[in-house]
Amino acid sequence: MLQSIEKRLQKIEDKPVDFKDLHQRLENKVDQLSQTRNNIASDVVIETIHSKLHEDEIEKEEIQKRCKNVIVFGLNESASGDAACEDCG
């Protein structure tokens, strides 16, 4: 067993190291990681935009529903700023 390990170690030690190849492989890995990071960031941005657009759509539907509300004479108005409907027409 010890001889087997020594033989493997000797093969590894005898093998010349190609630094250009090693450098190129490292550059490729860094490029892949950078691309993956950019793709993930892009996916997060797209998901955030979709979420915000969906929220805006829901809010617009709520505004349209409120625009059709009936006003009752003698009832105090709401103190919120949403009482006025600019999108009604």
C-alpha atoms as a PDB file:
ATOM      1  CA  MET A   1       0.000   0.000   0.000  1.00  0.00           C
ATOM      2  CA  LEU A   2       2.791   2.392   0.905  1.00  0.00           C
ATOM      3  CA  GLN A   3       4.576   1.537  -2.345  1.00  0.00           C
ATOM      4  CA  SER A   4       1.408   2.286  -4.306  1.00  0.00           C
ATOM      5  CA  ILE A   5       1.101   5.705  -2.688  1.00  0.00           C
ATOM      6  CA  GLU A   6       4.778   6.414  -3.292  1.00  0.00           C
ATOM      7  CA  LYS A   7       4.418   5.445  -6.975  1.00  0.00           C
ATOM      8  CA  ARG A   8       1.442   7.762  -7.389  1.00  0.00           C
ATOM      9  CA  LEU A   9       3.287  10.574  -5.663  1.00  0.00           C
ATOM     10  CA  GLN A  10       6.313  10.016  -7.882  1.00  0.00           C
ATOM     11  CA  LYS A  11       4.114  10.155 -11.025  1.00  0.00           C
ATOM     12  CA  ILE A  12       2.594  13.417  -9.828  1.00  0.00           C
ATOM     13  CA  GLU A  13       6.028  14.875  -9.049  1.00  0.00           C
ATOM     14  CA  ASP A  14       7.424  13.796 -12.432  1.00  0.00           C
ATOM     15  CA  LYS A  15       4.565  15.306 -14.371  1.00  0.00           C
ATOM     16  CA  PRO A  16       5.490  18.771 -15.661  1.00  0.00           C
ATOM     17  CA  VAL A  17       3.171  21.590 -14.699  1.00  0.00           C
ATOM     18  CA  ASP A  18       1.806  23.590 -17.605  1.00  0.00           C
ATOM     19  CA  PHE A  19       1.155  26.997 -16.073  1.00  0.00           C
ATOM     20  CA  LYS A  20      -0.326  28.402 -19.265  1.00  0.00           C
ATOM     21  CA  ASP A  21      -2.911  25.640 -19.313  1.00  0.00           C
ATOM     22  CA  LEU A  22      -3.590  26.089 -15.613  1.00  0.00           C
ATOM     23  CA  HIS A  23      -3.934  29.849 -16.070  1.00  0.00           C
ATOM     24  CA  GLN A  24      -6.327  29.377 -18.993  1.00  0.00           C
ATOM     25  CA  ARG A  25      -8.469  26.934 -17.009  1.00  0.00           C
ATOM     26  CA  LEU A  26      -8.622  29.362 -14.099  1.00  0.00           C
ATOM     27  CA  GLU A  27      -9.629  32.204 -16.421  1.00  0.00           C
ATOM     28  CA  ASN A  28     -12.363  30.034 -17.926  1.00  0.00           C
ATOM     29  CA  LYS A  29     -13.705  29.172 -14.476  1.00  0.00           C
ATOM     30  CA  VAL A  30     -13.705  32.830 -13.438  1.00  0.00           C
ATOM     31  CA  ASP A  31     -15.540  33.753 -16.638  1.00  0.00           C
ATOM     32  CA  GLN A  32     -18.105  31.016 -16.020  1.00  0.00           C
ATOM     33  CA  LEU A  33     -18.650  32.180 -12.443  1.00  0.00           C
ATOM     34  CA  SER A  34     -18.992  35.782 -13.578  1.00  0.00           C
ATOM     35  CA  GLN A  35     -21.516  34.817 -16.234  1.00  0.00           C
ATOM     36  CA  THR A  36     -23.479  32.719 -13.738  1.00  0.00           C
ATOM     37  CA  ARG A  37     -23.516  35.601 -11.260  1.00  0.00           C
ATOM     38  CA  ASN A  38     -24.740  37.982 -13.958  1.00  0.00           C
ATOM     39  CA  ASN A  39     -27.491  35.552 -14.965  1.00  0.00           C
ATOM     40  CA  ILE A  40     -28.636  35.169 -11.373  1.00  0.00           C
ATOM     41  CA  ALA A  41     -28.624  38.941 -10.857  1.00  0.00           C
ATOM     42  CA  SER A  42     -30.571  39.396 -14.084  1.00  0.00           C
ATOM     43  CA  ASP A  43     -33.147  36.805 -13.002  1.00  0.00           C
ATOM     44  CA  VAL A  44     -33.581  38.549  -9.650  1.00  0.00           C
ATOM     45  CA  VAL A  45     -34.102  41.921 -11.340  1.00  0.00           C
ATOM     46  CA  ILE A  46     -36.639  40.458 -13.766  1.00  0.00           C
ATOM     47  CA  GLU A  47     -38.531  38.750 -10.946  1.00  0.00           C
ATOM     48  CA  THR A  48     -38.568  41.988  -8.935  1.00  0.00           C
ATOM     49  CA  ILE A  49     -39.933  43.930 -11.912  1.00  0.00           C
ATOM     50  CA  HIS A  50     -42.640  41.328 -12.518  1.00  0.00           C
ATOM     51  CA  SER A  51     -43.606  41.438  -8.858  1.00  0.00           C
ATOM     52  CA  LYS A  52     -43.804  45.242  -8.856  1.00  0.00           C
ATOM     53  CA  LEU A  53     -45.858  45.273 -12.056  1.00  0.00           C
ATOM     54  CA  HIS A  54     -48.265  42.768 -10.526  1.00  0.00           C
ATOM     55  CA  GLU A  55     -48.594  44.903  -7.384  1.00  0.00           C
ATOM     56  CA  ASP A  56     -49.233  48.002  -9.524  1.00  0.00           C
ATOM     57  CA  GLU A  57     -51.901  46.152 -11.489  1.00  0.00           C
ATOM     58  CA  ILE A  58     -53.670  45.091  -8.294  1.00  0.00           C
ATOM     59  CA  GLU A  59     -53.497  48.649  -6.946  1.00  0.00           C
ATOM     60  CA  LYS A  60     -54.927  50.036 -10.205  1.00  0.00           C
ATOM     61  CA  GLU A  61     -57.832  47.568 -10.001  1.00  0.00           C
ATOM     62  CA  GLU A  62     -58.503  48.687  -6.420  1.00  0.00           C
ATOM     63  CA  ILE A  63     -58.525  52.331  -7.516  1.00  0.00           C
ATOM     64  CA  GLN A  64     -61.004  51.503 -10.271  1.00  0.00           C
ATOM     65  CA  LYS A  65     -63.248  49.731  -7.747  1.00  0.00           C
ATOM     66  CA  ARG A  66     -63.131  52.736  -5.421  1.00  0.00           C
ATOM     67  CA  CYS A  67     -64.013  55.083  -8.278  1.00  0.00           C
ATOM     68  CA  LYS A  68     -67.378  53.353  -8.575  1.00  0.00           C
ATOM     69  CA  ASN A  69     -68.194  53.745  -4.885  1.00  0.00           C
ATOM     70  CA  VAL A  70     -71.342  55.599  -3.910  1.00  0.00           C
ATOM     71  CA  ILE A  71     -71.017  58.859  -1.982  1.00  0.00           C
ATOM     72  CA  VAL A  72     -73.531  59.179   0.836  1.00  0.00           C
ATOM     73  CA  PHE A  73     -74.594  62.722   1.739  1.00  0.00           C
ATOM     74  CA  GLY A  74     -73.898  63.659   5.352  1.00  0.00           C
ATOM     75  CA  LEU A  75     -71.249  61.010   5.894  1.00  0.00           C
ATOM     76  CA  ASN A  76     -67.809  62.281   6.905  1.00  0.00           C
ATOM     77  CA  GLU A  77     -65.128  61.848   4.270  1.00  0.00           C
ATOM     78  CA  SER A  78     -62.219  59.506   4.728  1.00  0.00           C
ATOM     79  CA  ALA A  79     -59.085  61.136   6.090  1.00  0.00           C
ATOM     80  CA  SER A  80     -56.845  59.088   3.793  1.00  0.00           C
ATOM     81  CA  GLY A  81     -55.283  60.566   0.680  1.00  0.00           C
ATOM     82  CA  ASP A  82     -56.892  57.852  -1.458  1.00  0.00           C
ATOM     83  CA  ALA A  83     -60.289  59.546  -1.309  1.00  0.00           C
ATOM     84  CA  ALA A  84     -59.667  61.411  -4.587  1.00  0.00           C
ATOM     85  CA  CYS A  85     -59.556  59.268  -7.691  1.00  0.00           C
ATOM     86  CA  GLU A  86     -57.489  60.714 -10.526  1.00  0.00           C
ATOM     87  CA  ASP A  87     -57.904  57.703 -12.817  1.00  0.00           C
ATOM     88  CA  CYS A  88     -61.724  57.974 -12.883  1.00  0.00           C
ATOM     89  CA  GLY A  89     -63.070  59.617 -15.901  1.00  0.00           C
END
